[in-house]
Structures are given as C-alpha cells and as structure tokens.
Amino acid sequence: DGRDEKRFDDRLKNASIRDQLLLPYRTGRLERPPARDDDPGRFRNETF
C-alpha cells in the first residue's frame, strides 16, 4: 500500500499483502514466550 512505516495497530487493521507476510512464523516448540507484538499471521489483508 506504499506505507512502509506503519505502526503495529495499523498493520493489524489495514494490512497490505506484504504486511501479512512480514513477521516470520517458526514451527516447532517455542523456546520462550513471543516478544512484544510478535504475532505472525495476525496481519491479514482482508481483500485477499
């Protein structure tokens, strides 16, 4: 969407297709709790 400097909440509510691929999802057992705002998969482009 041409907006590279979006805040976390904005990506949640107005994700581009690139946004929804931005955070890597790691398979297997977690070594520690997720870091702040590390929500891989929660950015979803509704149009897609």
All heavy atoms as atom14 arrays in JSON, in Angstrom:
{
  "sequence": "DGRDEKRFDDRLKNASIRDQLLLPYRTGRLERPPARDDDPGRFRNETF",
  "atom14_mask": [
    [1, 1, 1, 1, 1, 1, 1, 1, 0, 0, 0, 0, 0, 0],
    [1, 1, 1, 1, 0, 0, 0, 0, 0, 0, 0, 0, 0, 0],
    [1, 1, 1, 1, 1, 1, 1, 1, 1, 1, 1, 0, 0, 0],
    [1, 1, 1, 1, 1, 1, 1, 1, 0, 0, 0, 0, 0, 0],
    [1, 1, 1, 1, 1, 1, 1, 1, 1, 0, 0, 0, 0, 0],
    [1, 1, 1, 1, 1, 1, 1, 1, 1, 0, 0, 0, 0, 0],
    [1, 1, 1, 1, 1, 1, 1, 1, 1, 1, 1, 0, 0, 0],
    [1, 1, 1, 1, 1, 1, 1, 1, 1, 1, 1, 0, 0, 0],
    [1, 1, 1, 1, 1, 1, 1, 1, 0, 0, 0, 0, 0, 0],
    [1, 1, 1, 1, 1, 1, 1, 1, 0, 0, 0, 0, 0, 0],
    [1, 1, 1, 1, 1, 1, 1, 1, 1, 1, 1, 0, 0, 0],
    [1, 1, 1, 1, 1, 1, 1, 1, 0, 0, 0, 0, 0, 0],
    [1, 1, 1, 1, 1, 1, 1, 1, 1, 0, 0, 0, 0, 0],
    [1, 1, 1, 1, 1, 1, 1, 1, 0, 0, 0, 0, 0, 0],
    [1, 1, 1, 1, 1, 0, 0, 0, 0, 0, 0, 0, 0, 0],
    [1, 1, 1, 1, 1, 1, 0, 0, 0, 0, 0, 0, 0, 0],
    [1, 1, 1, 1, 1, 1, 1, 1, 0, 0, 0, 0, 0, 0],
    [1, 1, 1, 1, 1, 1, 1, 1, 1, 1, 1, 0, 0, 0],
    [1, 1, 1, 1, 1, 1, 1, 1, 0, 0, 0, 0, 0, 0],
    [1, 1, 1, 1, 1, 1, 1, 1, 1, 0, 0, 0, 0, 0],
    [1, 1, 1, 1, 1, 1, 1, 1, 0, 0, 0, 0, 0, 0],
    [1, 1, 1, 1, 1, 1, 1, 1, 0, 0, 0, 0, 0, 0],
    [1, 1, 1, 1, 1, 1, 1, 1, 0, 0, 0, 0, 0, 0],
    [1, 1, 1, 1, 1, 1, 1, 0, 0, 0, 0, 0, 0, 0],
    [1, 1, 1, 1, 1, 1, 1, 1, 1, 1, 1, 1, 0, 0],
    [1, 1, 1, 1, 1, 1, 1, 1, 1, 1, 1, 0, 0, 0],
    [1, 1, 1, 1, 1, 1, 1, 0, 0, 0, 0, 0, 0, 0],
    [1, 1, 1, 1, 0, 0, 0, 0, 0, 0, 0, 0, 0, 0],
    [1, 1, 1, 1, 1, 1, 1, 1, 1, 1, 1, 0, 0, 0],
    [1, 1, 1, 1, 1, 1, 1, 1, 0, 0, 0, 0, 0, 0],
    [1, 1, 1, 1, 1, 1, 1, 1, 1, 0, 0, 0, 0, 0],
    [1, 1, 1, 1, 1, 1, 1, 1, 1, 1, 1, 0, 0, 0],
    [1, 1, 1, 1, 1, 1, 1, 0, 0, 0, 0, 0, 0, 0],
    [1, 1, 1, 1, 1, 1, 1, 0, 0, 0, 0, 0, 0, 0],
    [1, 1, 1, 1, 1, 0, 0, 0, 0, 0, 0, 0, 0, 0],
    [1, 1, 1, 1, 1, 1, 1, 1, 1, 1, 1, 0, 0, 0],
    [1, 1, 1, 1, 1, 1, 1, 1, 0, 0, 0, 0, 0, 0],
    [1, 1, 1, 1, 1, 1, 1, 1, 0, 0, 0, 0, 0, 0],
    [1, 1, 1, 1, 1, 1, 1, 1, 0, 0, 0, 0, 0, 0],
    [1, 1, 1, 1, 1, 1, 1, 0, 0, 0, 0, 0, 0, 0],
    [1, 1, 1, 1, 0, 0, 0, 0, 0, 0, 0, 0, 0, 0],
    [1, 1, 1, 1, 1, 1, 1, 1, 1, 1, 1, 0, 0, 0],
    [1, 1, 1, 1, 1, 1, 1, 1, 1, 1, 1, 0, 0, 0],
    [1, 1, 1, 1, 1, 1, 1, 1, 1, 1, 1, 0, 0, 0],
    [1, 1, 1, 1, 1, 1, 1, 1, 0, 0, 0, 0, 0, 0],
    [1, 1, 1, 1, 1, 1, 1, 1, 1, 0, 0, 0, 0, 0],
    [1, 1, 1, 1, 1, 1, 1, 0, 0, 0, 0, 0, 0, 0],
    [1, 1, 1, 1, 1, 1, 1, 1, 1, 1, 1, 0, 0, 0]
  ],
  "atom14_positions": [
    [[0.83, -1.21, 0.0], [0.0, 0.0, 0.0], [0.86, 1.25, 0.0], [0.36, 2.37, 0.16], [-0.96, 0.01, 1.19], [-0.25, -0.11, 2.54], [1.0, 0.0, 2.57], [-0.93, -0.34, 3.55], [0.0, 0.0, 0.0], [0.0, 0.0, 0.0], [0.0, 0.0, 0.0], [0.0, 0.0, 0.0], [0.0, 0.0, 0.0], [0.0, 0.0, 0.0]],
    [[2.2, 1.05, -0.15], [3.1, 2.18, -0.21], [3.4, 2.83, 1.12], [4.06, 3.87, 1.19], [0.0, 0.0, 0.0], [0.0, 0.0, 0.0], [0.0, 0.0, 0.0], [0.0, 0.0, 0.0], [0.0, 0.0, 0.0], [0.0, 0.0, 0.0], [0.0, 0.0, 0.0], [0.0, 0.0, 0.0], [0.0, 0.0, 0.0], [0.0, 0.0, 0.0]],
    [[2.96, 2.18, 2.2], [3.15, 2.75, 3.54], [4.06, 1.81, 4.33], [3.59, 0.89, 5.0], [1.8, 2.93, 4.23], [0.86, 3.87, 3.49], [-0.52, 3.87, 4.11], [-0.45, 4.27, 5.51], [-1.14, 3.67, 6.49], [-1.92, 2.64, 6.21], [-1.02, 4.1, 7.73], [0.0, 0.0, 0.0], [0.0, 0.0, 0.0], [0.0, 0.0, 0.0]],
    [[5.35, 2.04, 4.26], [6.31, 1.15, 4.89], [6.43, 1.37, 6.39], [6.76, 0.45, 7.13], [7.7, 1.32, 4.25], [7.71, 0.9, 2.79], [6.77, 0.19, 2.39], [8.64, 1.29, 2.07], [0.0, 0.0, 0.0], [0.0, 0.0, 0.0], [0.0, 0.0, 0.0], [0.0, 0.0, 0.0], [0.0, 0.0, 0.0], [0.0, 0.0, 0.0]],
    [[6.18, 2.59, 6.86], [6.39, 2.92, 8.27], [5.08, 2.88, 9.05], [4.68, 3.85, 9.69], [7.03, 4.31, 8.39], [8.36, 4.43, 7.66], [9.4, 3.45, 8.19], [9.41, 3.2, 9.4], [10.18, 2.93, 7.37], [0.0, 0.0, 0.0], [0.0, 0.0, 0.0], [0.0, 0.0, 0.0], [0.0, 0.0, 0.0], [0.0, 0.0, 0.0]],
    [[4.39, 1.77, 9.02], [3.11, 1.64, 9.72], [3.34, 1.13, 11.14], [4.22, 0.31, 11.39], [2.2, 0.67, 8.95], [1.78, 1.2, 7.6], [1.31, 0.12, 6.67], [-0.02, -0.45, 7.03], [-0.5, -1.4, 5.99], [0.0, 0.0, 0.0], [0.0, 0.0, 0.0], [0.0, 0.0, 0.0], [0.0, 0.0, 0.0], [0.0, 0.0, 0.0]],
    [[2.49, 1.59, 12.04], [2.52, 1.09, 13.4], [1.87, -0.29, 13.45], [1.12, -0.69, 12.56], [1.78, 2.05, 14.34], [2.43, 3.42, 14.45], [1.55, 4.38, 15.25], [1.3, 3.87, 16.59], [2.11, 4.1, 17.63], [3.2, 4.83, 17.47], [1.81, 3.62, 18.83], [0.0, 0.0, 0.0], [0.0, 0.0, 0.0], [0.0, 0.0, 0.0]],
    [[2.14, -1.01, 14.54], [1.6, -2.35, 14.71], [0.08, -2.37, 14.56], [-0.48, -3.19, 13.82], [2.01, -2.9, 16.08], [1.39, -4.23, 16.43], [1.91, -5.41, 15.92], [0.28, -4.29, 17.27], [1.34, -6.63, 16.23], [-0.29, -5.51, 17.59], [0.24, -6.68, 17.07], [0.0, 0.0, 0.0], [0.0, 0.0, 0.0], [0.0, 0.0, 0.0]],
    [[-0.62, -1.48, 15.25], [-2.08, -1.46, 15.21], [-2.6, -1.18, 13.81], [-3.63, -1.71, 13.4], [-2.64, -0.43, 16.19], [-2.5, -0.86, 17.65], [-2.23, -2.06, 17.88], [-2.68, -0.01, 18.54], [0.0, 0.0, 0.0], [0.0, 0.0, 0.0], [0.0, 0.0, 0.0], [0.0, 0.0, 0.0], [0.0, 0.0, 0.0], [0.0, 0.0, 0.0]],
    [[-1.89, -0.35, 13.08], [-2.3, -0.03, 11.72], [-2.13, -1.24, 10.81], [-2.96, -1.5, 9.92], [-1.48, 1.15, 11.19], [-2.09, 1.78, 9.94], [-3.23, 1.42, 9.58], [-1.43, 2.64, 9.33], [0.0, 0.0, 0.0], [0.0, 0.0, 0.0], [0.0, 0.0, 0.0], [0.0, 0.0, 0.0], [0.0, 0.0, 0.0], [0.0, 0.0, 0.0]],
    [[-1.05, -2.0, 11.01], [-0.88, -3.22, 10.21], [-1.98, -4.23, 10.53], [-2.44, -4.95, 9.64], [0.49, -3.83, 10.46], [1.65, -3.0, 9.92], [2.98, -3.75, 10.03], [4.11, -2.84, 9.92], [4.64, -2.45, 8.77], [4.14, -2.89, 7.64], [5.68, -1.62, 8.76], [0.0, 0.0, 0.0], [0.0, 0.0, 0.0], [0.0, 0.0, 0.0]],
    [[-2.39, -4.31, 11.79], [-3.47, -5.23, 12.16], [-4.77, -4.87, 11.44], [-5.49, -5.74, 10.96], [-3.71, -5.19, 13.66], [-2.86, -6.07, 14.57], [-3.28, -5.89, 16.01], [-2.94, -7.55, 14.18], [0.0, 0.0, 0.0], [0.0, 0.0, 0.0], [0.0, 0.0, 0.0], [0.0, 0.0, 0.0], [0.0, 0.0, 0.0], [0.0, 0.0, 0.0]],
    [[-5.07, -3.58, 11.38], [-6.36, -3.14, 10.85], [-6.34, -2.87, 9.36], [-7.38, -2.92, 8.71], [-6.81, -1.88, 11.6], [-7.05, -2.12, 13.09], [-7.33, -0.82, 13.83], [-7.51, -1.08, 15.31], [-7.71, 0.17, 16.08], [0.0, 0.0, 0.0], [0.0, 0.0, 0.0], [0.0, 0.0, 0.0], [0.0, 0.0, 0.0], [0.0, 0.0, 0.0]],
    [[-5.16, -2.58, 8.81], [-5.06, -2.19, 7.4], [-3.84, -2.84, 6.76], [-2.99, -2.16, 6.17], [-4.96, -0.66, 7.28], [-6.14, 0.05, 7.91], [-7.26, -0.01, 7.4], [-5.91, 0.72, 9.03], [0.0, 0.0, 0.0], [0.0, 0.0, 0.0], [0.0, 0.0, 0.0], [0.0, 0.0, 0.0], [0.0, 0.0, 0.0], [0.0, 0.0, 0.0]],
    [[-3.76, -4.15, 6.85], [-2.58, -4.86, 6.34], [-2.58, -4.92, 4.82], [-3.61, -5.17, 4.18], [-2.55, -6.27, 6.9], [0.0, 0.0, 0.0], [0.0, 0.0, 0.0], [0.0, 0.0, 0.0], [0.0, 0.0, 0.0], [0.0, 0.0, 0.0], [0.0, 0.0, 0.0], [0.0, 0.0, 0.0], [0.0, 0.0, 0.0], [0.0, 0.0, 0.0]],
    [[-1.42, -4.69, 4.24], [-1.21, -4.99, 2.83], [-0.85, -6.47, 2.71], [-0.64, -7.16, 3.71], [-0.07, -4.13, 2.27], [1.17, -4.53, 2.85], [0.0, 0.0, 0.0], [0.0, 0.0, 0.0], [0.0, 0.0, 0.0], [0.0, 0.0, 0.0], [0.0, 0.0, 0.0], [0.0, 0.0, 0.0], [0.0, 0.0, 0.0], [0.0, 0.0, 0.0]],
    [[-0.73, -6.95, 1.49], [-0.31, -8.34, 1.29], [1.12, -8.53, 1.77], [1.44, -9.55, 2.39], [-0.48, -8.74, -0.19], [-1.97, -8.81, -0.54], [0.21, -10.08, -0.47], [-2.27, -9.04, -2.0], [0.0, 0.0, 0.0], [0.0, 0.0, 0.0], [0.0, 0.0, 0.0], [0.0, 0.0, 0.0], [0.0, 0.0, 0.0], [0.0, 0.0, 0.0]],
    [[1.99, -7.54, 1.55], [3.34, -7.64, 2.09], [3.32, -7.66, 3.62], [4.09, -8.39, 4.23], [4.21, -6.48, 1.6], [4.79, -6.69, 0.22], [6.05, -5.86, 0.03], [6.52, -5.88, -1.33], [7.29, -6.83, -1.84], [7.65, -7.86, -1.1], [7.69, -6.77, -3.1], [0.0, 0.0, 0.0], [0.0, 0.0, 0.0], [0.0, 0.0, 0.0]],
    [[2.46, -6.85, 4.22], [2.37, -6.84, 5.68], [2.05, -8.21, 6.24], [2.61, -8.62, 7.26], [1.28, -5.86, 6.14], [1.66, -4.4, 5.99], [2.87, -4.1, 5.91], [0.74, -3.56, 5.92], [0.0, 0.0, 0.0], [0.0, 0.0, 0.0], [0.0, 0.0, 0.0], [0.0, 0.0, 0.0], [0.0, 0.0, 0.0], [0.0, 0.0, 0.0]],
    [[1.15, -8.93, 5.58], [0.72, -10.2, 6.16], [1.81, -11.27, 6.08], [1.72, -12.29, 6.77], [-0.58, -10.69, 5.51], [-0.48, -11.25, 4.13], [-1.87, -11.65, 3.59], [-2.89, -11.08, 3.97], [-1.9, -12.64, 2.72], [0.0, 0.0, 0.0], [0.0, 0.0, 0.0], [0.0, 0.0, 0.0], [0.0, 0.0, 0.0], [0.0, 0.0, 0.0]],
    [[2.86, -11.01, 5.31], [3.99, -11.92, 5.23], [5.19, -11.44, 6.03], [6.24, -12.09, 6.05], [4.41, -12.09, 3.76], [3.34, -12.58, 2.8], [3.83, -12.49, 1.36], [2.91, -14.0, 3.13], [0.0, 0.0, 0.0], [0.0, 0.0, 0.0], [0.0, 0.0, 0.0], [0.0, 0.0, 0.0], [0.0, 0.0, 0.0], [0.0, 0.0, 0.0]],
    [[5.04, -10.29, 6.71], [6.19, -9.61, 7.3], [6.81, -10.36, 8.48], [8.03, -10.49, 8.58], [5.75, -8.21, 7.76], [6.84, -7.29, 8.29], [7.88, -7.0, 7.24], [6.19, -5.99, 8.79], [0.0, 0.0, 0.0], [0.0, 0.0, 0.0], [0.0, 0.0, 0.0], [0.0, 0.0, 0.0], [0.0, 0.0, 0.0], [0.0, 0.0, 0.0]],
    [[5.98, -10.86, 9.39], [6.5, -11.49, 10.61], [6.7, -12.99, 10.38], [5.75, -13.69, 10.03], [5.55, -11.27, 11.78], [5.32, -9.81, 12.18], [4.3, -9.73, 13.32], [6.63, -9.15, 12.58], [0.0, 0.0, 0.0], [0.0, 0.0, 0.0], [0.0, 0.0, 0.0], [0.0, 0.0, 0.0], [0.0, 0.0, 0.0], [0.0, 0.0, 0.0]],
    [[7.9, -13.5, 10.58], [8.15, -14.93, 10.35], [7.5, -15.81, 11.4], [7.54, -15.51, 12.6], [9.67, -15.04, 10.4], [10.1, -13.9, 11.26], [9.13, -12.79, 10.98], [0.0, 0.0, 0.0], [0.0, 0.0, 0.0], [0.0, 0.0, 0.0], [0.0, 0.0, 0.0], [0.0, 0.0, 0.0], [0.0, 0.0, 0.0], [0.0, 0.0, 0.0]],
    [[6.9, -16.89, 10.94], [6.32, -17.89, 11.83], [7.31, -19.05, 11.95], [7.79, -19.57, 10.94], [5.0, -18.41, 11.25], [4.3, -19.42, 12.13], [3.35, -19.01, 13.06], [4.58, -20.78, 12.03], [2.7, -19.93, 13.87], [3.95, -21.7, 12.84], [3.0, -21.28, 13.76], [2.36, -22.2, 14.57], [0.0, 0.0, 0.0], [0.0, 0.0, 0.0]],
    [[7.62, -19.44, 13.18], [8.6, -20.5, 13.41], [7.89, -21.74, 13.91], [7.21, -21.7, 14.93], [9.67, -20.03, 14.4], [10.51, -18.88, 13.84], [11.42, -18.26, 14.88], [12.28, -17.25, 14.29], [11.93, -15.98, 14.08], [10.73, -15.58, 14.42], [12.77, -15.14, 13.53], [0.0, 0.0, 0.0], [0.0, 0.0, 0.0], [0.0, 0.0, 0.0]],
    [[8.07, -22.83, 13.2], [7.44, -24.09, 13.58], [8.19, -24.74, 14.73], [9.34, -24.4, 15.03], [7.38, -25.06, 12.39], [8.71, -25.27, 11.91], [6.52, -24.5, 11.27], [0.0, 0.0, 0.0], [0.0, 0.0, 0.0], [0.0, 0.0, 0.0], [0.0, 0.0, 0.0], [0.0, 0.0, 0.0], [0.0, 0.0, 0.0], [0.0, 0.0, 0.0]],
    [[7.53, -25.71, 15.38], [8.17, -26.45, 16.46], [7.95, -25.81, 17.82], [7.18, -24.86, 17.97], [0.0, 0.0, 0.0], [0.0, 0.0, 0.0], [0.0, 0.0, 0.0], [0.0, 0.0, 0.0], [0.0, 0.0, 0.0], [0.0, 0.0, 0.0], [0.0, 0.0, 0.0], [0.0, 0.0, 0.0], [0.0, 0.0, 0.0], [0.0, 0.0, 0.0]],
    [[8.63, -26.34, 18.81], [8.45, -25.9, 20.19], [9.03, -24.5, 20.41], [10.13, -24.2, 19.99], [9.13, -26.9, 21.14], [8.87, -26.63, 22.62], [9.57, -27.66, 23.48], [9.05, -29.0, 23.27], [7.98, -29.49, 23.89], [7.32, -28.74, 24.77], [7.57, -30.72, 23.64], [0.0, 0.0, 0.0], [0.0, 0.0, 0.0], [0.0, 0.0, 0.0]],
    [[8.27, -23.67, 21.11], [8.76, -22.35, 21.48], [9.83, -22.47, 22.55], [9.69, -23.25, 23.5], [7.62, -21.49, 22.03], [6.58, -20.95, 21.05], [5.47, -20.25, 21.82], [7.21, -20.0, 20.05], [0.0, 0.0, 0.0], [0.0, 0.0, 0.0], [0.0, 0.0, 0.0], [0.0, 0.0, 0.0], [0.0, 0.0, 0.0], [0.0, 0.0, 0.0]],
    [[10.88, -21.71, 22.41], [11.94, -21.67, 23.41], [11.62, -20.66, 24.52], [12.13, -20.78, 25.63], [13.28, -21.31, 22.76], [13.77, -22.33, 21.75], [14.2, -23.64, 22.38], [14.39, -23.65, 23.61], [14.34, -24.63, 21.65], [0.0, 0.0, 0.0], [0.0, 0.0, 0.0], [0.0, 0.0, 0.0], [0.0, 0.0, 0.0], [0.0, 0.0, 0.0]],
    [[10.8, -19.67, 24.18], [10.44, -18.62, 25.13], [9.14, -17.99, 24.65], [8.75, -18.18, 23.48], [11.55, -17.56, 25.22], [11.87, -16.9, 23.89], [13.1, -16.01, 23.97], [14.28, -16.79, 24.32], [15.01, -17.47, 23.45], [14.66, -17.51, 22.16], [16.06, -18.15, 23.84], [0.0, 0.0, 0.0], [0.0, 0.0, 0.0], [0.0, 0.0, 0.0]],
    [[8.45, -17.23, 25.49], [7.22, -16.57, 25.03], [7.49, -15.61, 23.88], [8.59, -15.06, 23.76], [6.75, -15.81, 26.27], [7.39, -16.49, 27.43], [8.71, -16.98, 26.93], [0.0, 0.0, 0.0], [0.0, 0.0, 0.0], [0.0, 0.0, 0.0], [0.0, 0.0, 0.0], [0.0, 0.0, 0.0], [0.0, 0.0, 0.0], [0.0, 0.0, 0.0]],
    [[6.52, -15.39, 23.02], [6.71, -14.45, 21.91], [7.05, -13.05, 22.42], [6.55, -12.61, 23.45], [5.35, -14.46, 21.19], [4.73, -15.77, 21.57], [5.19, -16.05, 22.97], [0.0, 0.0, 0.0], [0.0, 0.0, 0.0], [0.0, 0.0, 0.0], [0.0, 0.0, 0.0], [0.0, 0.0, 0.0], [0.0, 0.0, 0.0], [0.0, 0.0, 0.0]],
    [[7.92, -12.36, 21.69], [8.28, -10.98, 22.02], [7.08, -10.06, 21.78], [6.11, -10.42, 21.11], [9.47, -10.54, 21.18], [0.0, 0.0, 0.0], [0.0, 0.0, 0.0], [0.0, 0.0, 0.0], [0.0, 0.0, 0.0], [0.0, 0.0, 0.0], [0.0, 0.0, 0.0], [0.0, 0.0, 0.0], [0.0, 0.0, 0.0], [0.0, 0.0, 0.0]],
    [[7.18, -8.88, 22.34], [6.09, -7.9, 22.21], [5.68, -7.71, 20.74], [6.53, -7.49, 19.86], [6.53, -6.56, 22.8], [5.44, -5.48, 22.76], [5.97, -4.16, 23.25], [6.32, -4.23, 24.66], [5.47, -4.01, 25.66], [4.21, -3.71, 25.4], [5.88, -4.1, 26.91], [0.0, 0.0, 0.0], [0.0, 0.0, 0.0], [0.0, 0.0, 0.0]],
    [[4.37, -7.85, 20.49], [3.78, -7.63, 19.17], [4.3, -8.59, 18.1], [4.14, -8.33, 16.9], [3.97, -6.18, 18.71], [3.2, -5.19, 19.57], [2.31, -5.63, 20.32], [3.49, -3.99, 19.51], [0.0, 0.0, 0.0], [0.0, 0.0, 0.0], [0.0, 0.0, 0.0], [0.0, 0.0, 0.0], [0.0, 0.0, 0.0], [0.0, 0.0, 0.0]],
    [[4.88, -9.7, 18.51], [5.29, -10.73, 17.54], [4.1, -11.66, 17.33], [3.9, -12.63, 18.05], [6.5, -11.5, 18.09], [7.07, -12.46, 17.06], [6.65, -12.39, 15.87], [7.92, -13.3, 17.42], [0.0, 0.0, 0.0], [0.0, 0.0, 0.0], [0.0, 0.0, 0.0], [0.0, 0.0, 0.0], [0.0, 0.0, 0.0], [0.0, 0.0, 0.0]],
    [[3.27, -11.31, 16.34], [2.02, -12.02, 16.07], [2.01, -12.53, 14.63], [1.21, -12.09, 13.81], [0.82, -11.09, 16.27], [0.55, -10.71, 17.71], [1.28, -11.18, 18.6], [-0.39, -9.93, 17.95], [0.0, 0.0, 0.0], [0.0, 0.0, 0.0], [0.0, 0.0, 0.0], [0.0, 0.0, 0.0], [0.0, 0.0, 0.0], [0.0, 0.0, 0.0]],
    [[2.87, -13.46, 14.26], [2.94, -13.89, 12.86], [1.64, -14.54, 12.38], [1.2, -15.54, 12.92], [4.1, -14.9, 12.87], [4.19, -15.38, 14.28], [3.8, -14.21, 15.13], [0.0, 0.0, 0.0], [0.0, 0.0, 0.0], [0.0, 0.0, 0.0], [0.0, 0.0, 0.0], [0.0, 0.0, 0.0], [0.0, 0.0, 0.0], [0.0, 0.0, 0.0]],
    [[1.05, -13.92, 11.38], [-0.22, -14.41, 10.87], [-1.4, -13.53, 11.19], [-2.44, -13.62, 10.55], [0.0, 0.0, 0.0], [0.0, 0.0, 0.0], [0.0, 0.0, 0.0], [0.0, 0.0, 0.0], [0.0, 0.0, 0.0], [0.0, 0.0, 0.0], [0.0, 0.0, 0.0], [0.0, 0.0, 0.0], [0.0, 0.0, 0.0], [0.0, 0.0, 0.0]],
    [[-1.27, -12.65, 12.17], [-2.4, -11.79, 12.54], [-2.57, -10.6, 11.61], [-3.64, -10.0, 11.57], [-2.27, -11.29, 13.97], [-2.51, -12.36, 15.02], [-2.68, -11.74, 16.41], [-3.98, -11.12, 16.54], [-4.2, -9.99, 17.22], [-3.2, -9.35, 17.79], [-5.42, -9.51, 17.32], [0.0, 0.0, 0.0], [0.0, 0.0, 0.0], [0.0, 0.0, 0.0]],
    [[-1.52, -10.24, 10.84], [-1.69, -9.23, 9.8], [-2.36, -9.93, 8.61], [-1.77, -10.82, 7.99], [-0.35, -8.65, 9.35], [0.44, -7.96, 10.44], [1.81, -7.81, 10.31], [-0.17, -7.46, 11.58], [2.55, -7.16, 11.28], [0.56, -6.81, 12.56], [1.93, -6.67, 12.42], [0.0, 0.0, 0.0], [0.0, 0.0, 0.0], [0.0, 0.0, 0.0]],
    [[-3.58, -9.53, 8.29], [-4.33, -10.18, 7.2], [-4.91, -9.11, 6.28], [-5.63, -8.24, 6.74], [-5.45, -11.06, 7.75], [-5.0, -12.1, 8.77], [-6.19, -12.93, 9.25], [-5.86, -13.77, 10.38], [-6.1, -13.46, 11.66], [-6.69, -12.3, 11.96], [-5.76, -14.28, 12.64], [0.0, 0.0, 0.0], [0.0, 0.0, 0.0], [0.0, 0.0, 0.0]],
    [[-4.62, -9.23, 5.01], [-5.2, -8.33, 4.03], [-6.61, -8.84, 3.71], [-6.78, -9.89, 3.09], [-4.34, -8.29, 2.76], [-4.91, -7.38, 1.71], [-5.62, -7.83, 0.81], [-4.62, -6.09, 1.81], [0.0, 0.0, 0.0], [0.0, 0.0, 0.0], [0.0, 0.0, 0.0], [0.0, 0.0, 0.0], [0.0, 0.0, 0.0], [0.0, 0.0, 0.0]],
    [[-7.61, -8.09, 4.14], [-8.99, -8.57, 4.03], [-9.42, -8.76, 2.58], [-10.14, -9.72, 2.25], [-9.93, -7.61, 4.75], [-11.32, -8.19, 4.96], [-12.14, -7.36, 5.93], [-12.57, -6.25, 5.56], [-12.36, -7.83, 7.07], [0.0, 0.0, 0.0], [0.0, 0.0, 0.0], [0.0, 0.0, 0.0], [0.0, 0.0, 0.0], [0.0, 0.0, 0.0]],
    [[-8.97, -7.9, 1.7], [-9.32, -8.04, 0.28], [-8.82, -9.37, -0.27], [-9.54, -10.05, -1.03], [-8.73, -6.88, -0.53], [-9.25, -5.64, -0.02], [-9.09, -7.0, -2.01], [0.0, 0.0, 0.0], [0.0, 0.0, 0.0], [0.0, 0.0, 0.0], [0.0, 0.0, 0.0], [0.0, 0.0, 0.0], [0.0, 0.0, 0.0], [0.0, 0.0, 0.0]],
    [[-7.62, -9.75, 0.12], [-7.03, -11.02, -0.33], [-7.88, -12.21, 0.13], [-8.22, -13.1, -0.67], [-5.61, -11.13, 0.23], [-4.92, -12.44, -0.04], [-4.22, -12.64, -1.22], [-4.96, -13.48, 0.88], [-3.58, -13.85, -1.48], [-4.32, -14.69, 0.64], [-3.63, -14.87, -0.54], [0.0, 0.0, 0.0], [0.0, 0.0, 0.0], [0.0, 0.0, 0.0]]
  ]
}
